[in-house]
Every structure is written in structure tokens, then in C-alpha cells.
Amino acid sequence: MGFSPIDYAAVIVCLAGVTVAGVLIAGRQKDSRDCFPGGKQMSWWSVGFSIVASDTSTLMFISIPGLAFRSGMHFLQLVFRYFITFI
């Protein structure tokens, strides 16, 4: 099963869109203090939610279903741990 021309086009459009968005957003930053801590304009809870969402979306929506299908439901405890920990 290989990539079709539509798949290649979708990947190219996605990469181009992310690149353009990065260039536009980066143009507003003056130095590294604006980039990493957000110019100290973000609240602690929004940064925390962002970190949790990044970690959770990567693990739960990409890798955990595939691992659960491949090796049984050993990773189901990870899903429950996320819900208990982050709620």
C-alpha cells in the first residue's frame, strides 16, 4: 500500500501550511524570551493544559490504540491513569 498523488499533495500542503504559520508567528517575536516563556503573558494553567494536551494527544491518539491492538489491552491502564491524574 503506497502513497497516491492525493496523499503526496496532502502532505505537501500540510508542511507548507505549518511552515507559513511558523514564519508568520515567529515574525512577532523579538528575542528568545518571547519564544520560550511566551513573553510572560500566559497563565500557569494554560501552559499546564498545553503540556498535558500535547503529551496526551501524542500518546493516546497515535501510539496507544496501535499498541493495544498489537499486544492486548496492557496499555489500557495508561488511559485510566491519565484520566485519574489529569482530572
N, C-alpha and C. Protein backbone atom coordinates (compact mmCIF):
# COMPACT_ATOMS: atom_id res chain seq x y z
N MET A 1 0.85 -1.17 0.00
CA MET A 1 0.00 0.00 0.00
C MET A 1 0.90 1.24 0.00
N GLY A 2 0.88 1.99 -1.04
CA GLY A 2 1.75 3.15 -1.16
C GLY A 2 0.97 4.45 -1.16
N PHE A 3 1.72 5.52 -1.27
CA PHE A 3 1.12 6.84 -1.33
C PHE A 3 0.58 7.10 -2.73
N SER A 4 -0.60 7.68 -2.78
CA SER A 4 -1.17 8.12 -4.05
C SER A 4 -0.80 9.59 -4.25
N PRO A 5 -1.03 10.13 -5.42
CA PRO A 5 -0.75 11.56 -5.63
C PRO A 5 -1.53 12.46 -4.68
N ILE A 6 -2.73 12.06 -4.29
CA ILE A 6 -3.51 12.85 -3.34
C ILE A 6 -2.83 12.86 -1.97
N ASP A 7 -2.26 11.73 -1.56
CA ASP A 7 -1.55 11.66 -0.30
C ASP A 7 -0.34 12.59 -0.30
N TYR A 8 0.44 12.54 -1.39
CA TYR A 8 1.59 13.43 -1.50
C TYR A 8 1.17 14.90 -1.46
N ALA A 9 0.09 15.22 -2.14
CA ALA A 9 -0.40 16.60 -2.15
C ALA A 9 -0.83 17.03 -0.75
N ALA A 10 -1.49 16.15 -0.02
CA ALA A 10 -1.93 16.48 1.33
C ALA A 10 -0.73 16.72 2.26
N VAL A 11 0.29 15.90 2.14
CA VAL A 11 1.49 16.08 2.97
C VAL A 11 2.18 17.39 2.63
N ILE A 12 2.31 17.69 1.36
CA ILE A 12 2.98 18.92 0.93
C ILE A 12 2.19 20.15 1.40
N VAL A 13 0.87 20.12 1.26
CA VAL A 13 0.05 21.25 1.71
C VAL A 13 0.16 21.42 3.23
N CYS A 14 0.16 20.34 3.96
CA CYS A 14 0.28 20.41 5.42
C CYS A 14 1.64 20.98 5.82
N LEU A 15 2.71 20.49 5.23
CA LEU A 15 4.03 21.00 5.56
C LEU A 15 4.18 22.48 5.19
N ALA A 16 3.64 22.85 4.04
CA ALA A 16 3.71 24.26 3.62
C ALA A 16 2.90 25.13 4.57
N GLY A 17 1.73 24.68 4.97
CA GLY A 17 0.90 25.46 5.89
C GLY A 17 1.56 25.65 7.24
N VAL A 18 2.18 24.60 7.78
CA VAL A 18 2.87 24.71 9.06
C VAL A 18 4.06 25.66 8.94
N THR A 19 4.78 25.58 7.82
CA THR A 19 5.93 26.46 7.61
C THR A 19 5.49 27.93 7.52
N VAL A 20 4.44 28.20 6.77
CA VAL A 20 3.95 29.57 6.63
C VAL A 20 3.46 30.10 7.98
N ALA A 21 2.72 29.29 8.71
CA ALA A 21 2.24 29.72 10.03
C ALA A 21 3.41 30.00 10.97
N GLY A 22 4.45 29.17 10.94
CA GLY A 22 5.62 29.39 11.78
C GLY A 22 6.35 30.67 11.44
N VAL A 23 6.48 30.96 10.15
CA VAL A 23 7.15 32.19 9.73
C VAL A 23 6.35 33.41 10.16
N LEU A 24 5.04 33.35 10.00
CA LEU A 24 4.20 34.49 10.39
C LEU A 24 4.21 34.73 11.89
N ILE A 25 4.12 33.67 12.66
CA ILE A 25 4.10 33.81 14.12
C ILE A 25 5.47 34.22 14.64
N ALA A 26 6.53 33.65 14.07
CA ALA A 26 7.88 33.97 14.54
C ALA A 26 8.24 35.41 14.24
N GLY A 27 7.61 36.03 13.27
CA GLY A 27 7.92 37.41 12.95
C GLY A 27 7.57 38.38 14.05
N ARG A 28 6.68 38.00 14.97
CA ARG A 28 6.28 38.87 16.07
C ARG A 28 7.20 38.76 17.28
N GLN A 29 8.12 37.81 17.27
CA GLN A 29 8.99 37.61 18.42
C GLN A 29 10.24 38.48 18.29
N LYS A 30 10.60 39.12 19.39
CA LYS A 30 11.77 39.99 19.37
C LYS A 30 13.04 39.25 19.78
N ASP A 31 12.93 38.35 20.76
CA ASP A 31 14.09 37.58 21.21
C ASP A 31 13.62 36.25 21.78
N SER A 32 14.56 35.48 22.35
CA SER A 32 14.21 34.15 22.85
C SER A 32 13.28 34.21 24.05
N ARG A 33 13.24 35.31 24.77
CA ARG A 33 12.31 35.43 25.89
C ARG A 33 10.86 35.46 25.43
N ASP A 34 10.62 35.93 24.23
CA ASP A 34 9.26 35.91 23.69
C ASP A 34 8.87 34.51 23.22
N CYS A 35 9.84 33.74 22.79
CA CYS A 35 9.56 32.42 22.23
C CYS A 35 9.26 31.39 23.32
N PHE A 36 10.19 31.20 24.24
CA PHE A 36 10.06 30.09 25.18
C PHE A 36 9.05 30.32 26.29
N PRO A 37 9.10 31.40 27.06
CA PRO A 37 8.08 31.58 28.09
C PRO A 37 6.85 32.35 27.62
N GLY A 38 6.70 32.58 26.34
CA GLY A 38 5.52 33.26 25.82
C GLY A 38 5.46 34.73 26.17
N GLY A 39 6.59 35.36 26.37
CA GLY A 39 6.60 36.77 26.72
C GLY A 39 5.99 37.04 28.08
N LYS A 40 5.90 36.01 28.90
CA LYS A 40 5.31 36.08 30.26
C LYS A 40 3.89 36.61 30.23
N GLN A 41 3.16 36.29 29.18
CA GLN A 41 1.77 36.71 29.06
C GLN A 41 0.80 35.54 29.23
N MET A 42 1.31 34.34 29.40
CA MET A 42 0.44 33.17 29.55
C MET A 42 0.33 32.80 31.02
N SER A 43 -0.87 32.39 31.41
CA SER A 43 -1.06 31.97 32.80
C SER A 43 -0.51 30.56 33.00
N TRP A 44 -0.26 30.20 34.25
CA TRP A 44 0.33 28.90 34.54
C TRP A 44 -0.59 27.77 34.13
N TRP A 45 -1.90 27.96 34.29
CA TRP A 45 -2.82 26.87 33.97
C TRP A 45 -2.93 26.65 32.47
N SER A 46 -2.82 27.70 31.66
CA SER A 46 -2.88 27.50 30.21
C SER A 46 -1.62 26.79 29.70
N VAL A 47 -0.47 27.09 30.31
CA VAL A 47 0.75 26.38 29.95
C VAL A 47 0.64 24.92 30.37
N GLY A 48 0.11 24.67 31.55
CA GLY A 48 -0.07 23.29 32.03
C GLY A 48 -1.00 22.50 31.13
N PHE A 49 -2.13 23.08 30.76
CA PHE A 49 -3.06 22.40 29.85
C PHE A 49 -2.43 22.13 28.50
N SER A 50 -1.62 23.06 28.02
CA SER A 50 -0.95 22.87 26.74
C SER A 50 0.02 21.70 26.79
N ILE A 51 0.78 21.60 27.87
CA ILE A 51 1.72 20.48 28.01
C ILE A 51 0.98 19.16 28.11
N VAL A 52 -0.05 19.11 28.91
CA VAL A 52 -0.83 17.88 29.06
C VAL A 52 -1.49 17.49 27.74
N ALA A 53 -2.04 18.47 27.03
CA ALA A 53 -2.71 18.17 25.76
C ALA A 53 -1.71 17.66 24.73
N SER A 54 -0.53 18.23 24.68
CA SER A 54 0.48 17.76 23.74
C SER A 54 0.89 16.33 24.04
N ASP A 55 1.15 16.06 25.30
CA ASP A 55 1.55 14.72 25.70
C ASP A 55 0.43 13.72 25.49
N THR A 56 -0.76 14.07 25.91
CA THR A 56 -1.89 13.16 25.82
C THR A 56 -2.28 12.88 24.38
N SER A 57 -2.32 13.91 23.56
CA SER A 57 -2.74 13.68 22.18
C SER A 57 -1.75 12.81 21.44
N THR A 58 -0.47 13.00 21.68
CA THR A 58 0.54 12.20 21.01
C THR A 58 0.44 10.75 21.44
N LEU A 59 0.38 10.51 22.74
CA LEU A 59 0.38 9.14 23.23
C LEU A 59 -0.95 8.43 23.00
N MET A 60 -2.03 9.11 23.31
CA MET A 60 -3.31 8.41 23.31
C MET A 60 -3.90 8.23 21.92
N PHE A 61 -3.69 9.15 21.03
CA PHE A 61 -4.37 9.06 19.75
C PHE A 61 -3.51 8.42 18.66
N ILE A 62 -2.21 8.31 18.87
CA ILE A 62 -1.36 7.72 17.85
C ILE A 62 -0.83 6.36 18.28
N SER A 63 -0.18 6.30 19.43
CA SER A 63 0.52 5.07 19.76
C SER A 63 -0.30 4.08 20.59
N ILE A 64 -1.07 4.54 21.53
CA ILE A 64 -1.77 3.62 22.44
C ILE A 64 -2.76 2.71 21.71
N PRO A 65 -3.61 3.18 20.80
CA PRO A 65 -4.51 2.25 20.11
C PRO A 65 -3.77 1.17 19.33
N GLY A 66 -2.68 1.54 18.67
CA GLY A 66 -1.92 0.54 17.93
C GLY A 66 -1.26 -0.47 18.84
N LEU A 67 -0.69 0.00 19.95
CA LEU A 67 -0.07 -0.92 20.90
C LEU A 67 -1.12 -1.81 21.56
N ALA A 68 -2.28 -1.26 21.88
CA ALA A 68 -3.33 -2.07 22.49
C ALA A 68 -3.82 -3.14 21.52
N PHE A 69 -3.92 -2.81 20.26
CA PHE A 69 -4.35 -3.79 19.26
C PHE A 69 -3.31 -4.88 19.09
N ARG A 70 -2.05 -4.49 19.14
CA ARG A 70 -0.97 -5.44 18.88
C ARG A 70 -0.68 -6.35 20.07
N SER A 71 -0.73 -5.81 21.29
CA SER A 71 -0.29 -6.59 22.44
C SER A 71 -1.38 -6.80 23.49
N GLY A 72 -2.60 -6.73 23.12
CA GLY A 72 -3.66 -6.87 24.10
C GLY A 72 -3.96 -5.52 24.73
N MET A 73 -4.58 -5.55 25.86
CA MET A 73 -5.01 -4.31 26.50
C MET A 73 -4.11 -3.91 27.66
N HIS A 74 -2.81 -4.16 27.56
CA HIS A 74 -1.88 -3.79 28.62
C HIS A 74 -1.80 -2.28 28.81
N PHE A 75 -2.00 -1.53 27.75
CA PHE A 75 -1.88 -0.09 27.83
C PHE A 75 -3.17 0.60 28.25
N LEU A 76 -4.21 -0.17 28.49
CA LEU A 76 -5.46 0.42 28.94
C LEU A 76 -5.29 1.09 30.31
N GLN A 77 -4.42 0.55 31.14
CA GLN A 77 -4.16 1.18 32.44
C GLN A 77 -3.57 2.57 32.28
N LEU A 78 -2.82 2.80 31.20
CA LEU A 78 -2.27 4.13 30.95
C LEU A 78 -3.38 5.14 30.69
N VAL A 79 -4.38 4.73 29.95
CA VAL A 79 -5.52 5.61 29.67
C VAL A 79 -6.25 5.96 30.96
N PHE A 80 -6.49 4.97 31.79
CA PHE A 80 -7.17 5.23 33.06
C PHE A 80 -6.31 6.11 33.96
N ARG A 81 -5.01 5.89 33.96
CA ARG A 81 -4.13 6.70 34.78
C ARG A 81 -4.16 8.17 34.32
N TYR A 82 -4.21 8.39 33.02
CA TYR A 82 -4.31 9.76 32.51
C TYR A 82 -5.59 10.45 33.00
N PHE A 83 -6.70 9.73 32.89
CA PHE A 83 -7.96 10.34 33.31
C PHE A 83 -7.97 10.64 34.81
N ILE A 84 -7.44 9.72 35.60
CA ILE A 84 -7.43 9.94 37.06
C ILE A 84 -6.46 11.05 37.43
N THR A 85 -5.30 11.09 36.78
CA THR A 85 -4.28 12.07 37.12
C THR A 85 -4.65 13.48 36.68
N PHE A 86 -5.19 13.60 35.50
CA PHE A 86 -5.40 14.93 34.91
C PHE A 86 -6.76 15.52 35.18
N ILE A 87 -7.64 14.80 35.80
CA ILE A 87 -8.97 15.36 36.08
C ILE A 87 -9.00 15.97 37.46
